[in-house]
Amino acid sequence: PSVPGNVYAASLPQLDASRYRNARVKKDTAVDPAVKSHLEALVKEYLTASGGTAGSRDIGRYLAANSDSRRGNRSALTELKETYGSLLTFILTKQNSFLVLDKSPGYGGDEGFPIKLIK
């Protein structure tokens, strides 16, 4: 979106999941279904316990406190980042389950961006 008289408006960062995609994950690489379902279940569990909406940073802390899908020595957050690159990318691949409420550039603060449970 362009703001009249503001030459910098066109260069403002926009919410684009492809920018946050982990370089190690290629588009033709299938994600392990066990990893997908484990991460989705953890995020749903946290959002349900939080009344349906929570900040991305709180979700990240919850994932960091839980183990990965194989119950190994890694956290679920590490597994998510190795698989998807970021929580935002994961959430945007699950748009039938989750909704990012504020997509404005620079939004965040102490809570991060708000995420809502759809179903």
C-alpha atoms as a PDB file:
ATOM      1  CA  PRO A   1       0.000   0.000   0.000  1.00  0.00           C
ATOM      2  CA  SER A   2       1.253   3.396  -0.950  1.00  0.00           C
ATOM      3  CA  VAL A   3       0.836   6.567   1.090  1.00  0.00           C
ATOM      4  CA  PRO A   4       0.697   9.764  -1.009  1.00  0.00           C
ATOM      5  CA  GLY A   5       3.784  11.896  -0.463  1.00  0.00           C
ATOM      6  CA  ASN A   6       5.646   9.137   1.397  1.00  0.00           C
ATOM      7  CA  VAL A   7       8.412   7.759  -0.820  1.00  0.00           C
ATOM      8  CA  TYR A   8       9.269   5.118   1.800  1.00  0.00           C
ATOM      9  CA  ALA A   9       5.791   3.591   2.102  1.00  0.00           C
ATOM     10  CA  ALA A  10       6.313   1.223  -0.829  1.00  0.00           C
ATOM     11  CA  SER A  11       9.442  -0.183   0.808  1.00  0.00           C
ATOM     12  CA  LEU A  12       7.833  -0.968   4.169  1.00  0.00           C
ATOM     13  CA  PRO A  13       8.018  -4.659   5.087  1.00  0.00           C
ATOM     14  CA  GLN A  14       4.872  -6.607   4.342  1.00  0.00           C
ATOM     15  CA  LEU A  15       3.781  -9.869   5.931  1.00  0.00           C
ATOM     16  CA  ASP A  16       5.183 -12.428   3.508  1.00  0.00           C
ATOM     17  CA  ALA A  17       5.749 -15.972   4.743  1.00  0.00           C
ATOM     18  CA  SER A  18       8.197 -16.733   1.928  1.00  0.00           C
ATOM     19  CA  ARG A  19      10.658 -14.271   3.511  1.00  0.00           C
ATOM     20  CA  TYR A  20      10.638 -16.254   6.739  1.00  0.00           C
ATOM     21  CA  ARG A  21      10.906 -19.697   5.198  1.00  0.00           C
ATOM     22  CA  ASN A  22      13.892 -21.666   6.451  1.00  0.00           C
ATOM     23  CA  ALA A  23      16.415 -22.124   3.633  1.00  0.00           C
ATOM     24  CA  ARG A  24      16.872 -25.779   4.590  1.00  0.00           C
ATOM     25  CA  VAL A  25      13.267 -26.604   3.736  1.00  0.00           C
ATOM     26  CA  LYS A  26      12.608 -26.780   0.022  1.00  0.00           C
ATOM     27  CA  LYS A  27       9.134 -26.476  -1.446  1.00  0.00           C
ATOM     28  CA  ASP A  28       9.273 -30.019  -2.794  1.00  0.00           C
ATOM     29  CA  THR A  29      10.259 -31.467   0.601  1.00  0.00           C
ATOM     30  CA  ALA A  30       7.306 -33.004   2.414  1.00  0.00           C
ATOM     31  CA  VAL A  31       7.024 -32.313   6.129  1.00  0.00           C
ATOM     32  CA  ASP A  32       6.705 -35.395   8.324  1.00  0.00           C
ATOM     33  CA  PRO A  33       2.987 -35.738   9.226  1.00  0.00           C
ATOM     34  CA  ALA A  34       3.918 -36.642  12.829  1.00  0.00           C
ATOM     35  CA  VAL A  35       5.810 -33.349  13.163  1.00  0.00           C
ATOM     36  CA  LYS A  36       2.931 -31.381  11.621  1.00  0.00           C
ATOM     37  CA  SER A  37       0.272 -32.897  13.858  1.00  0.00           C
ATOM     38  CA  HIS A  38       2.419 -32.649  17.015  1.00  0.00           C
ATOM     39  CA  LEU A  39       3.145 -28.950  16.495  1.00  0.00           C
ATOM     40  CA  GLU A  40      -0.456 -28.182  15.567  1.00  0.00           C
ATOM     41  CA  ALA A  41      -1.716 -30.011  18.673  1.00  0.00           C
ATOM     42  CA  LEU A  42       0.647 -28.054  20.941  1.00  0.00           C
ATOM     43  CA  VAL A  43      -0.358 -24.691  19.476  1.00  0.00           C
ATOM     44  CA  LYS A  44      -4.069 -25.622  19.705  1.00  0.00           C
ATOM     45  CA  GLU A  45      -3.585 -26.776  23.307  1.00  0.00           C
ATOM     46  CA  TYR A  46      -1.987 -23.467  24.285  1.00  0.00           C
ATOM     47  CA  LEU A  47      -4.546 -21.341  22.449  1.00  0.00           C
ATOM     48  CA  THR A  48      -7.423 -23.290  23.998  1.00  0.00           C
ATOM     49  CA  ALA A  49      -5.951 -22.827  27.491  1.00  0.00           C
ATOM     50  CA  SER A  50      -5.521 -19.104  26.730  1.00  0.00           C
ATOM     51  CA  GLY A  51      -9.147 -18.545  25.756  1.00  0.00           C
ATOM     52  CA  GLY A  52      -8.623 -18.883  22.004  1.00  0.00           C
ATOM     53  CA  THR A  53      -6.137 -16.049  21.418  1.00  0.00           C
ATOM     54  CA  ALA A  54      -2.501 -15.590  22.430  1.00  0.00           C
ATOM     55  CA  GLY A  55       0.627 -13.726  21.395  1.00  0.00           C
ATOM     56  CA  SER A  56       3.261 -15.414  19.257  1.00  0.00           C
ATOM     57  CA  ARG A  57       5.952 -14.966  21.904  1.00  0.00           C
ATOM     58  CA  ASP A  58       3.887 -16.778  24.525  1.00  0.00           C
ATOM     59  CA  ILE A  59       3.217 -19.604  22.080  1.00  0.00           C
ATOM     60  CA  GLY A  60       6.949 -19.770  21.355  1.00  0.00           C
ATOM     61  CA  ARG A  61       7.724 -20.023  25.060  1.00  0.00           C
ATOM     62  CA  TYR A  62       5.203 -22.844  25.385  1.00  0.00           C
ATOM     63  CA  LEU A  63       6.751 -24.699  22.458  1.00  0.00           C
ATOM     64  CA  ALA A  64      10.211 -24.205  23.981  1.00  0.00           C
ATOM     65  CA  ALA A  65       8.986 -25.846  27.198  1.00  0.00           C
ATOM     66  CA  ASN A  66       7.668 -28.935  25.375  1.00  0.00           C
ATOM     67  CA  SER A  67       9.590 -31.709  23.655  1.00  0.00           C
ATOM     68  CA  ASP A  68       9.671 -32.427  19.935  1.00  0.00           C
ATOM     69  CA  SER A  69       7.464 -35.011  18.196  1.00  0.00           C
ATOM     70  CA  ARG A  70       9.959 -37.806  18.815  1.00  0.00           C
ATOM     71  CA  ARG A  71      10.290 -36.972  22.537  1.00  0.00           C
ATOM     72  CA  GLY A  72      13.993 -36.384  22.023  1.00  0.00           C
ATOM     73  CA  ASN A  73      16.302 -33.812  23.562  1.00  0.00           C
ATOM     74  CA  ARG A  74      15.044 -30.993  21.323  1.00  0.00           C
ATOM     75  CA  SER A  75      12.211 -28.637  22.119  1.00  0.00           C
ATOM     76  CA  ALA A  76       9.115 -28.381  19.977  1.00  0.00           C
ATOM     77  CA  LEU A  77      10.193 -24.811  19.151  1.00  0.00           C
ATOM     78  CA  THR A  78      13.515 -26.058  17.776  1.00  0.00           C
ATOM     79  CA  GLU A  79      11.682 -28.657  15.709  1.00  0.00           C
ATOM     80  CA  LEU A  80       9.288 -26.005  14.380  1.00  0.00           C
ATOM     81  CA  LYS A  81      12.138 -23.682  13.402  1.00  0.00           C
ATOM     82  CA  GLU A  82      14.119 -26.474  11.739  1.00  0.00           C
ATOM     83  CA  THR A  83      11.041 -27.566   9.782  1.00  0.00           C
ATOM     84  CA  TYR A  84       9.248 -24.292   8.992  1.00  0.00           C
ATOM     85  CA  GLY A  85      11.786 -21.572   9.763  1.00  0.00           C
ATOM     86  CA  SER A  86       9.448 -19.564  11.983  1.00  0.00           C
ATOM     87  CA  LEU A  87       6.204 -19.694  13.908  1.00  0.00           C
ATOM     88  CA  LEU A  88       4.683 -17.259  11.411  1.00  0.00           C
ATOM     89  CA  THR A  89       5.392 -19.597   8.497  1.00  0.00           C
ATOM     90  CA  PHE A  90       3.892 -22.534  10.403  1.00  0.00           C
ATOM     91  CA  ILE A  91       0.757 -20.559  11.320  1.00  0.00           C
ATOM     92  CA  LEU A  92       0.300 -19.356   7.730  1.00  0.00           C
ATOM     93  CA  THR A  93       0.451 -22.966   6.479  1.00  0.00           C
ATOM     94  CA  LYS A  94      -2.398 -23.822   8.880  1.00  0.00           C
ATOM     95  CA  GLN A  95      -4.880 -21.109   7.913  1.00  0.00           C
ATOM     96  CA  ASN A  96      -7.787 -23.505   8.396  1.00  0.00           C
ATOM     97  CA  SER A  97      -6.862 -23.759  12.099  1.00  0.00           C
ATOM     98  CA  PHE A  98      -5.205 -20.455  13.019  1.00  0.00           C
ATOM     99  CA  LEU A  99      -5.579 -16.781  12.172  1.00  0.00           C
ATOM    100  CA  VAL A 100      -3.010 -13.992  12.507  1.00  0.00           C
ATOM    101  CA  LEU A 101      -5.068 -11.077  13.817  1.00  0.00           C
ATOM    102  CA  ASP A 102      -2.734  -8.160  13.112  1.00  0.00           C
ATOM    103  CA  LYS A 103      -0.662  -8.238   9.947  1.00  0.00           C
ATOM    104  CA  SER A 104       0.638  -4.683  10.113  1.00  0.00           C
ATOM    105  CA  PRO A 105       4.416  -4.301   9.737  1.00  0.00           C
ATOM    106  CA  GLY A 106       6.283  -3.823  12.959  1.00  0.00           C
ATOM    107  CA  TYR A 107       3.448  -5.128  15.138  1.00  0.00           C
ATOM    108  CA  GLY A 108       4.541  -7.122  18.097  1.00  0.00           C
ATOM    109  CA  GLY A 109       5.913  -5.655  21.240  1.00  0.00           C
ATOM    110  CA  ASP A 110       6.228  -7.890  24.260  1.00  0.00           C
ATOM    111  CA  GLU A 111       3.491 -10.303  23.160  1.00  0.00           C
ATOM    112  CA  GLY A 112       4.456 -10.659  19.511  1.00  0.00           C
ATOM    113  CA  PHE A 113       1.719 -10.867  16.912  1.00  0.00           C
ATOM    114  CA  PRO A 114      -1.710 -12.147  18.059  1.00  0.00           C
ATOM    115  CA  ILE A 115      -2.857 -15.579  16.906  1.00  0.00           C
ATOM    116  CA  LYS A 116      -6.421 -16.858  17.155  1.00  0.00           C
ATOM    117  CA  LEU A 117      -7.665 -20.437  17.163  1.00  0.00           C
ATOM    118  CA  ILE A 118     -10.278 -20.957  14.431  1.00  0.00           C
ATOM    119  CA  LYS A 119     -11.167 -24.577  15.123  1.00  0.00           C
END
